[in-house]
């Protein structure tokens, strides 16, 4: 079992996929974790939020037997110290639980799924969600869960014989 993670402070998504899932979304498990903090939240409140999200993710991976996580890489065009803190805390908890993790390059992951990545703010994310819905992904999945699956799909491409969605590169 592998997992894809789309980390954010208010809606971190994890999607777990068995490497022998054969395209059956009934075998896929997902969760979304996060907390909105009130104005005036302290640094300690922000770190507690990160710890809470990390512990929820750790619980998910241990419950479902995840062995490796593919974590959405940071968008360097939109730096966020808080998101960096969350990523570090999540990685630390995964490491402590003996779970392997790697960063997933989202442009490569989306290109694998779509063939050609459309340009424009948020356009690629929506295109991925629509492509997954056309392939019978759960209708109720958020954009975050779809992105987490896109990370997992990139991971599936590394396993010989594992089913993953891949489109030929557009000419």
N, C-alpha and C. Protein backbone atom coordinates (compact mmCIF):
# COMPACT_ATOMS: atom_id res chain seq x y z
N UNK A 1 0.87 -1.18 0.00
CA UNK A 1 0.00 0.00 0.00
C UNK A 1 0.90 1.23 0.00
N UNK A 2 0.59 2.17 -0.89
CA UNK A 2 1.29 3.45 -0.93
C UNK A 2 0.26 4.55 -0.71
N UNK A 3 0.74 5.76 -0.47
CA UNK A 3 -0.17 6.89 -0.27
C UNK A 3 0.39 8.13 -0.94
N UNK A 4 -0.52 8.98 -1.36
CA UNK A 4 -0.19 10.30 -1.85
C UNK A 4 -0.68 11.32 -0.85
N UNK A 5 0.09 12.37 -0.63
CA UNK A 5 -0.28 13.41 0.31
C UNK A 5 -0.25 14.77 -0.35
N UNK A 6 -1.32 15.53 -0.13
CA UNK A 6 -1.41 16.93 -0.54
C UNK A 6 -1.54 17.72 0.76
N UNK A 7 -0.43 18.29 1.20
CA UNK A 7 -0.41 18.95 2.51
C UNK A 7 -0.88 20.39 2.43
N UNK A 8 -1.77 20.75 3.35
CA UNK A 8 -2.12 22.14 3.58
C UNK A 8 -2.57 22.25 5.03
N UNK A 9 -2.59 23.45 5.53
CA UNK A 9 -2.89 23.65 6.94
C UNK A 9 -4.37 23.44 7.27
N UNK A 10 -5.24 23.70 6.31
CA UNK A 10 -6.68 23.58 6.57
C UNK A 10 -7.31 22.36 5.93
N UNK A 11 -6.63 21.73 4.95
CA UNK A 11 -7.21 20.56 4.29
C UNK A 11 -6.11 19.68 3.70
N UNK A 12 -5.37 18.99 4.57
CA UNK A 12 -4.36 18.04 4.10
C UNK A 12 -5.07 16.75 3.71
N UNK A 13 -4.82 16.30 2.49
CA UNK A 13 -5.47 15.09 2.00
C UNK A 13 -4.46 13.96 1.88
N UNK A 14 -4.91 12.75 2.22
CA UNK A 14 -4.13 11.54 2.01
C UNK A 14 -5.01 10.54 1.29
N UNK A 15 -4.44 9.92 0.26
CA UNK A 15 -5.13 8.88 -0.49
C UNK A 15 -4.21 7.67 -0.53
N UNK A 16 -4.70 6.54 -0.01
CA UNK A 16 -3.93 5.30 0.04
C UNK A 16 -4.43 4.35 -1.03
N UNK A 17 -3.48 3.75 -1.75
CA UNK A 17 -3.80 2.88 -2.88
C UNK A 17 -2.95 1.61 -2.78
N UNK A 18 -3.59 0.44 -2.81
CA UNK A 18 -2.79 -0.79 -2.87
C UNK A 18 -2.08 -0.88 -4.22
N UNK A 19 -0.88 -1.41 -4.24
CA UNK A 19 -0.15 -1.50 -5.51
C UNK A 19 -0.79 -2.53 -6.45
N UNK A 20 -1.71 -3.33 -5.94
CA UNK A 20 -2.42 -4.30 -6.79
C UNK A 20 -3.89 -3.91 -6.97
N UNK A 21 -4.21 -2.64 -6.96
CA UNK A 21 -5.59 -2.17 -6.98
C UNK A 21 -6.30 -2.34 -8.31
N UNK A 22 -5.57 -2.46 -9.42
CA UNK A 22 -6.13 -2.69 -10.76
C UNK A 22 -7.20 -1.69 -11.18
N UNK A 23 -7.09 -0.47 -10.72
CA UNK A 23 -8.02 0.58 -11.14
C UNK A 23 -9.36 0.57 -10.44
N UNK A 24 -9.52 -0.24 -9.41
CA UNK A 24 -10.77 -0.32 -8.66
C UNK A 24 -10.73 0.66 -7.50
N UNK A 25 -11.44 1.79 -7.64
CA UNK A 25 -11.42 2.82 -6.60
C UNK A 25 -12.05 2.34 -5.30
N UNK A 26 -12.74 1.20 -5.30
CA UNK A 26 -13.27 0.63 -4.07
C UNK A 26 -12.19 0.20 -3.10
N UNK A 27 -10.96 0.04 -3.60
CA UNK A 27 -9.83 -0.36 -2.76
C UNK A 27 -9.01 0.83 -2.26
N UNK A 28 -9.43 2.02 -2.66
CA UNK A 28 -8.69 3.24 -2.32
C UNK A 28 -9.30 3.86 -1.07
N UNK A 29 -8.45 4.38 -0.18
CA UNK A 29 -8.91 5.02 1.05
C UNK A 29 -8.40 6.45 1.08
N UNK A 30 -9.28 7.37 1.52
CA UNK A 30 -8.84 8.76 1.60
C UNK A 30 -9.37 9.42 2.86
N UNK A 31 -8.67 10.44 3.29
CA UNK A 31 -9.06 11.28 4.42
C UNK A 31 -8.55 12.69 4.19
N UNK A 32 -9.22 13.64 4.82
CA UNK A 32 -8.77 15.04 4.79
C UNK A 32 -8.70 15.51 6.23
N UNK A 33 -7.57 16.12 6.58
CA UNK A 33 -7.34 16.61 7.94
C UNK A 33 -6.92 18.07 7.89
N UNK A 34 -7.28 18.82 8.89
CA UNK A 34 -6.83 20.21 8.97
C UNK A 34 -7.64 20.98 9.99
N UNK A 35 -7.13 22.12 10.35
CA UNK A 35 -7.78 22.97 11.33
C UNK A 35 -7.63 24.42 10.92
N UNK A 36 -8.69 25.17 11.06
CA UNK A 36 -8.63 26.61 10.85
C UNK A 36 -8.41 27.26 12.21
N UNK A 37 -7.42 28.09 12.29
CA UNK A 37 -7.11 28.76 13.55
C UNK A 37 -7.77 30.13 13.61
N UNK A 38 -8.14 30.58 14.80
CA UNK A 38 -8.73 31.91 14.93
C UNK A 38 -7.66 33.00 14.77
N UNK A 39 -8.12 34.20 14.49
CA UNK A 39 -7.20 35.33 14.46
C UNK A 39 -6.51 35.42 15.81
N UNK A 40 -5.28 35.81 15.78
CA UNK A 40 -4.54 35.95 17.02
C UNK A 40 -3.95 34.64 17.53
N UNK A 41 -4.00 33.59 16.71
CA UNK A 41 -3.42 32.31 17.12
C UNK A 41 -1.92 32.50 17.37
N UNK A 42 -1.42 31.81 18.34
CA UNK A 42 -0.01 31.92 18.71
C UNK A 42 0.84 30.96 17.88
N UNK A 43 2.15 31.14 17.96
CA UNK A 43 3.06 30.20 17.30
C UNK A 43 2.83 28.79 17.84
N UNK A 44 2.59 28.68 19.13
CA UNK A 44 2.33 27.37 19.73
C UNK A 44 1.05 26.76 19.15
N UNK A 45 0.02 27.57 18.93
CA UNK A 45 -1.22 27.08 18.31
C UNK A 45 -0.94 26.53 16.91
N UNK A 46 -0.10 27.23 16.15
CA UNK A 46 0.21 26.80 14.79
C UNK A 46 0.98 25.48 14.80
N UNK A 47 1.91 25.33 15.72
CA UNK A 47 2.67 24.08 15.80
C UNK A 47 1.77 22.94 16.28
N UNK A 48 0.87 23.22 17.23
CA UNK A 48 -0.09 22.18 17.66
C UNK A 48 -0.96 21.72 16.50
N UNK A 49 -1.36 22.67 15.64
CA UNK A 49 -2.15 22.31 14.46
C UNK A 49 -1.33 21.38 13.56
N UNK A 50 -0.08 21.72 13.31
CA UNK A 50 0.78 20.88 12.48
C UNK A 50 0.94 19.49 13.09
N UNK A 51 1.16 19.44 14.38
CA UNK A 51 1.30 18.14 15.06
C UNK A 51 0.02 17.33 14.94
N UNK A 52 -1.13 17.96 15.11
CA UNK A 52 -2.42 17.27 15.01
C UNK A 52 -2.60 16.66 13.61
N UNK A 53 -2.30 17.43 12.58
CA UNK A 53 -2.42 16.94 11.20
C UNK A 53 -1.45 15.77 10.99
N UNK A 54 -0.21 15.94 11.46
CA UNK A 54 0.79 14.89 11.29
C UNK A 54 0.38 13.60 12.00
N UNK A 55 -0.17 13.72 13.19
CA UNK A 55 -0.61 12.53 13.93
C UNK A 55 -1.80 11.86 13.23
N UNK A 56 -2.70 12.65 12.66
CA UNK A 56 -3.82 12.07 11.90
C UNK A 56 -3.30 11.32 10.67
N UNK A 57 -2.34 11.90 9.98
CA UNK A 57 -1.75 11.23 8.81
C UNK A 57 -1.04 9.96 9.24
N UNK A 58 -0.28 10.04 10.31
CA UNK A 58 0.43 8.84 10.82
C UNK A 58 -0.57 7.75 11.17
N UNK A 59 -1.66 8.10 11.82
CA UNK A 59 -2.68 7.12 12.17
C UNK A 59 -3.26 6.46 10.91
N UNK A 60 -3.54 7.27 9.89
CA UNK A 60 -4.06 6.72 8.64
C UNK A 60 -3.09 5.72 8.02
N UNK A 61 -1.82 6.09 7.91
CA UNK A 61 -0.87 5.19 7.24
C UNK A 61 -0.67 3.91 8.03
N UNK A 62 -0.68 4.00 9.35
CA UNK A 62 -0.53 2.79 10.16
C UNK A 62 -1.78 1.92 10.10
N UNK A 63 -2.95 2.54 10.10
CA UNK A 63 -4.21 1.79 10.02
C UNK A 63 -4.31 1.02 8.71
N UNK A 64 -3.92 1.64 7.61
CA UNK A 64 -4.10 1.03 6.29
C UNK A 64 -2.86 0.32 5.77
N UNK A 65 -1.81 0.25 6.56
CA UNK A 65 -0.62 -0.50 6.16
C UNK A 65 0.19 0.14 5.04
N UNK A 66 0.21 1.45 5.01
CA UNK A 66 0.98 2.18 3.99
C UNK A 66 2.47 1.98 4.28
N UNK A 67 3.23 1.68 3.24
CA UNK A 67 4.68 1.47 3.38
C UNK A 67 5.49 2.64 2.83
N UNK A 68 4.88 3.41 1.91
CA UNK A 68 5.62 4.51 1.28
C UNK A 68 4.65 5.62 0.93
N UNK A 69 5.06 6.87 1.18
CA UNK A 69 4.23 8.05 0.89
C UNK A 69 4.91 8.92 -0.16
N UNK A 70 4.10 9.43 -1.07
CA UNK A 70 4.53 10.37 -2.10
C UNK A 70 3.89 11.70 -1.73
N UNK A 71 4.73 12.65 -1.32
CA UNK A 71 4.25 13.92 -0.77
C UNK A 71 4.42 15.01 -1.81
N UNK A 72 3.32 15.73 -2.07
CA UNK A 72 3.36 16.82 -3.03
C UNK A 72 4.52 17.75 -2.70
N UNK A 73 5.36 18.03 -3.71
CA UNK A 73 6.48 18.93 -3.53
C UNK A 73 6.00 20.35 -3.27
N UNK A 74 6.85 21.14 -2.67
CA UNK A 74 6.51 22.52 -2.37
C UNK A 74 6.42 23.35 -3.64
N UNK A 75 5.47 24.25 -3.69
CA UNK A 75 5.35 25.21 -4.79
C UNK A 75 6.23 26.39 -4.44
N UNK A 76 7.41 26.45 -5.02
CA UNK A 76 8.37 27.48 -4.65
C UNK A 76 7.92 28.87 -5.09
N UNK A 77 6.94 28.93 -5.98
CA UNK A 77 6.43 30.23 -6.39
C UNK A 77 5.52 30.83 -5.31
N UNK A 78 5.09 29.97 -4.35
CA UNK A 78 4.22 30.43 -3.26
C UNK A 78 4.79 29.97 -1.92
N UNK A 79 5.90 30.57 -1.49
CA UNK A 79 6.52 30.11 -0.26
C UNK A 79 5.64 30.36 0.97
N UNK A 80 5.68 29.43 1.89
CA UNK A 80 4.93 29.55 3.14
C UNK A 80 5.70 28.86 4.24
N UNK A 81 6.14 29.62 5.21
CA UNK A 81 6.89 29.03 6.33
C UNK A 81 6.03 28.02 7.07
N UNK A 82 4.75 28.32 7.26
CA UNK A 82 3.88 27.41 8.00
C UNK A 82 3.71 26.09 7.27
N UNK A 83 3.58 26.14 5.94
CA UNK A 83 3.45 24.91 5.17
C UNK A 83 4.75 24.11 5.23
N UNK A 84 5.88 24.80 5.21
CA UNK A 84 7.17 24.13 5.37
C UNK A 84 7.29 23.46 6.72
N UNK A 85 6.80 24.13 7.76
CA UNK A 85 6.80 23.51 9.09
C UNK A 85 5.94 22.26 9.10
N UNK A 86 4.75 22.34 8.49
CA UNK A 86 3.87 21.17 8.43
C UNK A 86 4.57 20.02 7.71
N UNK A 87 5.17 20.30 6.56
CA UNK A 87 5.86 19.25 5.81
C UNK A 87 6.96 18.59 6.63
N UNK A 88 7.71 19.39 7.36
CA UNK A 88 8.78 18.83 8.19
C UNK A 88 8.24 17.98 9.32
N UNK A 89 7.18 18.44 9.95
CA UNK A 89 6.61 17.69 11.07
C UNK A 89 5.98 16.40 10.57
N UNK A 90 5.29 16.44 9.43
CA UNK A 90 4.71 15.21 8.86
C UNK A 90 5.82 14.22 8.52
N UNK A 91 6.87 14.70 7.87
CA UNK A 91 7.98 13.81 7.50
C UNK A 91 8.64 13.20 8.74
N UNK A 92 8.78 13.99 9.80
CA UNK A 92 9.37 13.47 11.04
C UNK A 92 8.52 12.34 11.62
N UNK A 93 7.19 12.54 11.64
CA UNK A 93 6.30 11.50 12.18
C UNK A 93 6.30 10.25 11.30
N UNK A 94 6.37 10.42 9.99
CA UNK A 94 6.45 9.26 9.11
C UNK A 94 7.76 8.51 9.33
N UNK A 95 8.85 9.26 9.45
CA UNK A 95 10.15 8.66 9.70
C UNK A 95 10.14 7.87 11.00
N UNK A 96 9.59 8.46 12.06
CA UNK A 96 9.52 7.78 13.35
C UNK A 96 8.67 6.52 13.30
N UNK A 97 7.69 6.48 12.38
CA UNK A 97 6.82 5.31 12.23
C UNK A 97 7.41 4.27 11.27
N UNK A 98 8.58 4.57 10.71
CA UNK A 98 9.22 3.63 9.79
C UNK A 98 8.62 3.63 8.39
N UNK A 99 7.97 4.73 8.02
CA UNK A 99 7.33 4.85 6.71
C UNK A 99 8.26 5.62 5.78
N UNK A 100 8.54 5.05 4.61
CA UNK A 100 9.34 5.75 3.61
C UNK A 100 8.54 6.89 3.01
N UNK A 101 9.22 7.93 2.57
CA UNK A 101 8.54 9.03 1.90
C UNK A 101 9.46 9.67 0.88
N UNK A 102 8.86 10.18 -0.18
CA UNK A 102 9.59 10.91 -1.21
C UNK A 102 8.73 12.09 -1.64
N UNK A 103 9.37 13.11 -2.18
CA UNK A 103 8.64 14.26 -2.71
C UNK A 103 8.19 13.95 -4.12
N UNK A 104 6.95 14.33 -4.42
CA UNK A 104 6.40 14.12 -5.76
C UNK A 104 6.39 15.44 -6.51
N UNK A 105 7.04 15.47 -7.64
CA UNK A 105 7.01 16.65 -8.50
C UNK A 105 5.64 16.70 -9.16
N UNK A 106 4.84 17.71 -8.82
CA UNK A 106 3.46 17.75 -9.29
C UNK A 106 3.34 17.96 -10.79
N UNK A 107 4.27 18.68 -11.39
CA UNK A 107 4.19 18.84 -12.84
C UNK A 107 4.37 17.49 -13.52
N UNK A 108 5.33 16.70 -13.05
CA UNK A 108 5.54 15.36 -13.61
C UNK A 108 4.35 14.46 -13.32
N UNK A 109 3.81 14.56 -12.12
CA UNK A 109 2.67 13.71 -11.74
C UNK A 109 1.44 14.04 -12.58
N UNK A 110 1.19 15.32 -12.79
CA UNK A 110 0.03 15.72 -13.61
C UNK A 110 0.25 15.37 -15.08
N UNK A 111 1.48 15.49 -15.54
CA UNK A 111 1.78 15.14 -16.93
C UNK A 111 1.56 13.64 -17.15
N UNK A 112 1.90 12.82 -16.18
CA UNK A 112 1.67 11.38 -16.28
C UNK A 112 0.18 11.09 -16.45
N UNK A 113 -0.64 11.76 -15.66
CA UNK A 113 -2.09 11.54 -15.70
C UNK A 113 -2.73 12.13 -16.95
N UNK A 114 -2.34 13.35 -17.31
CA UNK A 114 -3.04 14.09 -18.36
C UNK A 114 -2.38 14.03 -19.74
N UNK A 115 -1.08 13.73 -19.78
CA UNK A 115 -0.34 13.79 -21.05
C UNK A 115 0.23 15.17 -21.28
N UNK A 116 -0.62 16.17 -21.20
CA UNK A 116 -0.18 17.57 -21.32
C UNK A 116 -0.84 18.34 -20.19
N UNK A 117 -0.05 19.14 -19.49
CA UNK A 117 -0.56 19.88 -18.34
C UNK A 117 -1.05 21.25 -18.81
N UNK A 118 -2.34 21.53 -18.62
CA UNK A 118 -2.85 22.85 -19.02
C UNK A 118 -2.28 23.95 -18.12
N UNK A 119 -2.15 25.13 -18.68
CA UNK A 119 -1.60 26.26 -17.93
C UNK A 119 -2.71 27.12 -17.37
N UNK A 120 -2.34 27.86 -16.35
CA UNK A 120 -3.28 28.78 -15.71
C UNK A 120 -3.47 28.39 -14.26
N UNK A 121 -3.73 29.38 -13.43
CA UNK A 121 -3.85 29.17 -12.00
C UNK A 121 -5.01 28.21 -11.68
N UNK A 122 -4.67 27.07 -11.10
CA UNK A 122 -5.66 26.09 -10.68
C UNK A 122 -6.24 25.23 -11.79
N UNK A 123 -5.90 25.52 -13.04
CA UNK A 123 -6.48 24.80 -14.18
C UNK A 123 -6.03 23.34 -14.18
N UNK A 124 -4.75 23.09 -13.92
CA UNK A 124 -4.24 21.72 -13.94
C UNK A 124 -4.88 20.88 -12.84
N UNK A 125 -5.07 21.47 -11.68
CA UNK A 125 -5.68 20.76 -10.55
C UNK A 125 -7.11 20.31 -10.91
N UNK A 126 -7.87 21.21 -11.51
CA UNK A 126 -9.24 20.90 -11.91
C UNK A 126 -9.25 19.86 -13.03
N UNK A 127 -8.32 19.98 -13.98
CA UNK A 127 -8.25 19.01 -15.08
C UNK A 127 -7.96 17.61 -14.55
N UNK A 128 -7.10 17.52 -13.54
CA UNK A 128 -6.81 16.21 -12.93
C UNK A 128 -8.06 15.65 -12.25
N UNK A 129 -8.77 16.50 -11.52
CA UNK A 129 -9.98 16.02 -10.85
C UNK A 129 -11.00 15.51 -11.87
N UNK A 130 -11.17 16.23 -12.96
CA UNK A 130 -12.12 15.80 -14.00
C UNK A 130 -11.68 14.49 -14.64
N UNK A 131 -10.38 14.35 -14.90
CA UNK A 131 -9.87 13.10 -15.48
C UNK A 131 -10.11 11.92 -14.54
N UNK A 132 -9.93 12.14 -13.26
CA UNK A 132 -10.15 11.07 -12.29
C UNK A 132 -11.63 10.74 -12.16
N UNK A 133 -12.48 11.74 -12.17
CA UNK A 133 -13.92 11.48 -12.12
C UNK A 133 -14.38 10.70 -13.34
N UNK A 134 -13.79 10.98 -14.51
CA UNK A 134 -14.12 10.23 -15.72
C UNK A 134 -13.68 8.77 -15.59
N UNK A 135 -12.69 8.52 -14.73
CA UNK A 135 -12.19 7.16 -14.51
C UNK A 135 -12.84 6.51 -13.29
N UNK A 136 -13.94 7.07 -12.82
CA UNK A 136 -14.75 6.52 -11.73
C UNK A 136 -14.19 6.77 -10.34
N UNK A 137 -13.38 7.80 -10.19
CA UNK A 137 -12.97 8.20 -8.83
C UNK A 137 -14.23 8.67 -8.09
N UNK A 138 -14.24 8.61 -6.77
CA UNK A 138 -15.41 9.05 -6.01
C UNK A 138 -15.83 10.48 -6.35
N UNK A 139 -17.12 10.68 -6.58
CA UNK A 139 -17.64 12.00 -6.92
C UNK A 139 -17.39 13.03 -5.83
N UNK A 140 -17.37 12.60 -4.59
CA UNK A 140 -17.23 13.53 -3.47
C UNK A 140 -15.81 13.97 -3.18
N UNK A 141 -14.84 13.47 -3.95
CA UNK A 141 -13.46 13.85 -3.68
C UNK A 141 -13.25 15.35 -3.90
N UNK A 142 -12.53 15.94 -2.96
CA UNK A 142 -12.15 17.35 -3.08
C UNK A 142 -10.97 17.47 -4.06
N UNK A 143 -10.66 18.70 -4.43
CA UNK A 143 -9.47 18.93 -5.25
C UNK A 143 -8.22 18.44 -4.53
N UNK A 144 -8.21 18.56 -3.20
CA UNK A 144 -7.05 18.12 -2.42
C UNK A 144 -6.89 16.60 -2.49
N UNK A 145 -8.01 15.87 -2.39
CA UNK A 145 -7.94 14.41 -2.49
C UNK A 145 -7.52 13.99 -3.90
N UNK A 146 -8.01 14.70 -4.90
CA UNK A 146 -7.60 14.40 -6.27
C UNK A 146 -6.10 14.61 -6.43
N UNK A 147 -5.58 15.71 -5.90
CA UNK A 147 -4.13 15.95 -5.97
C UNK A 147 -3.34 14.90 -5.21
N UNK A 148 -3.86 14.47 -4.07
CA UNK A 148 -3.18 13.41 -3.31
C UNK A 148 -3.14 12.13 -4.14
N UNK A 149 -4.24 11.83 -4.85
CA UNK A 149 -4.24 10.64 -5.71
C UNK A 149 -3.22 10.80 -6.83
N UNK A 150 -3.12 12.00 -7.39
CA UNK A 150 -2.15 12.24 -8.46
C UNK A 150 -0.73 11.93 -7.97
N UNK A 151 -0.44 12.29 -6.73
CA UNK A 151 0.86 11.94 -6.13
C UNK A 151 1.02 10.42 -6.04
N UNK A 152 -0.03 9.75 -5.55
CA UNK A 152 0.02 8.29 -5.42
C UNK A 152 0.16 7.64 -6.80
N UNK A 153 -0.53 8.18 -7.81
CA UNK A 153 -0.44 7.64 -9.16
C UNK A 153 1.00 7.69 -9.68
N UNK A 154 1.69 8.80 -9.38
CA UNK A 154 3.11 8.89 -9.75
C UNK A 154 3.89 7.78 -9.06
N UNK A 155 3.57 7.54 -7.79
CA UNK A 155 4.23 6.46 -7.07
C UNK A 155 3.93 5.10 -7.68
N UNK A 156 2.69 4.87 -8.08
CA UNK A 156 2.31 3.58 -8.69
C UNK A 156 3.12 3.31 -9.95
N UNK A 157 3.50 4.39 -10.66
CA UNK A 157 4.26 4.22 -11.90
C UNK A 157 5.64 3.63 -11.65
N UNK A 158 6.09 3.64 -10.41
CA UNK A 158 7.41 3.09 -10.06
C UNK A 158 7.37 1.60 -9.73
N UNK A 159 6.16 1.03 -9.62
CA UNK A 159 6.01 -0.37 -9.24
C UNK A 159 5.71 -1.21 -10.47
N UNK A 160 6.58 -2.18 -10.75
CA UNK A 160 6.38 -3.07 -11.89
C UNK A 160 5.04 -3.78 -11.75
N UNK A 161 4.24 -3.71 -12.78
CA UNK A 161 2.96 -4.40 -12.80
C UNK A 161 1.82 -3.68 -12.12
N UNK A 162 2.10 -2.56 -11.45
CA UNK A 162 1.03 -1.81 -10.78
C UNK A 162 0.25 -1.01 -11.81
N UNK A 163 -1.06 -0.92 -11.60
CA UNK A 163 -1.93 -0.15 -12.50
C UNK A 163 -1.81 1.32 -12.13
N UNK A 164 -1.49 2.14 -13.12
CA UNK A 164 -1.51 3.59 -12.91
C UNK A 164 -2.09 4.23 -14.16
N UNK A 165 -2.59 5.44 -14.00
CA UNK A 165 -3.13 6.19 -15.13
C UNK A 165 -1.97 6.91 -15.80
N UNK A 166 -1.83 6.70 -17.10
CA UNK A 166 -0.77 7.37 -17.83
C UNK A 166 -1.27 7.69 -19.24
N UNK A 167 -1.01 8.89 -19.67
CA UNK A 167 -1.36 9.33 -21.02
C UNK A 167 -0.08 9.53 -21.82
N UNK A 168 -0.17 9.25 -23.09
CA UNK A 168 0.98 9.51 -23.97
C UNK A 168 1.20 11.02 -24.00
N UNK A 169 2.45 11.39 -24.08
CA UNK A 169 2.79 12.82 -24.15
C UNK A 169 2.26 13.39 -25.45
N UNK A 170 1.61 14.52 -25.35
CA UNK A 170 1.06 15.18 -26.52
C UNK A 170 2.19 15.67 -27.41
N UNK A 171 2.00 15.54 -28.71
CA UNK A 171 3.05 15.96 -29.66
C UNK A 171 3.11 17.47 -29.80
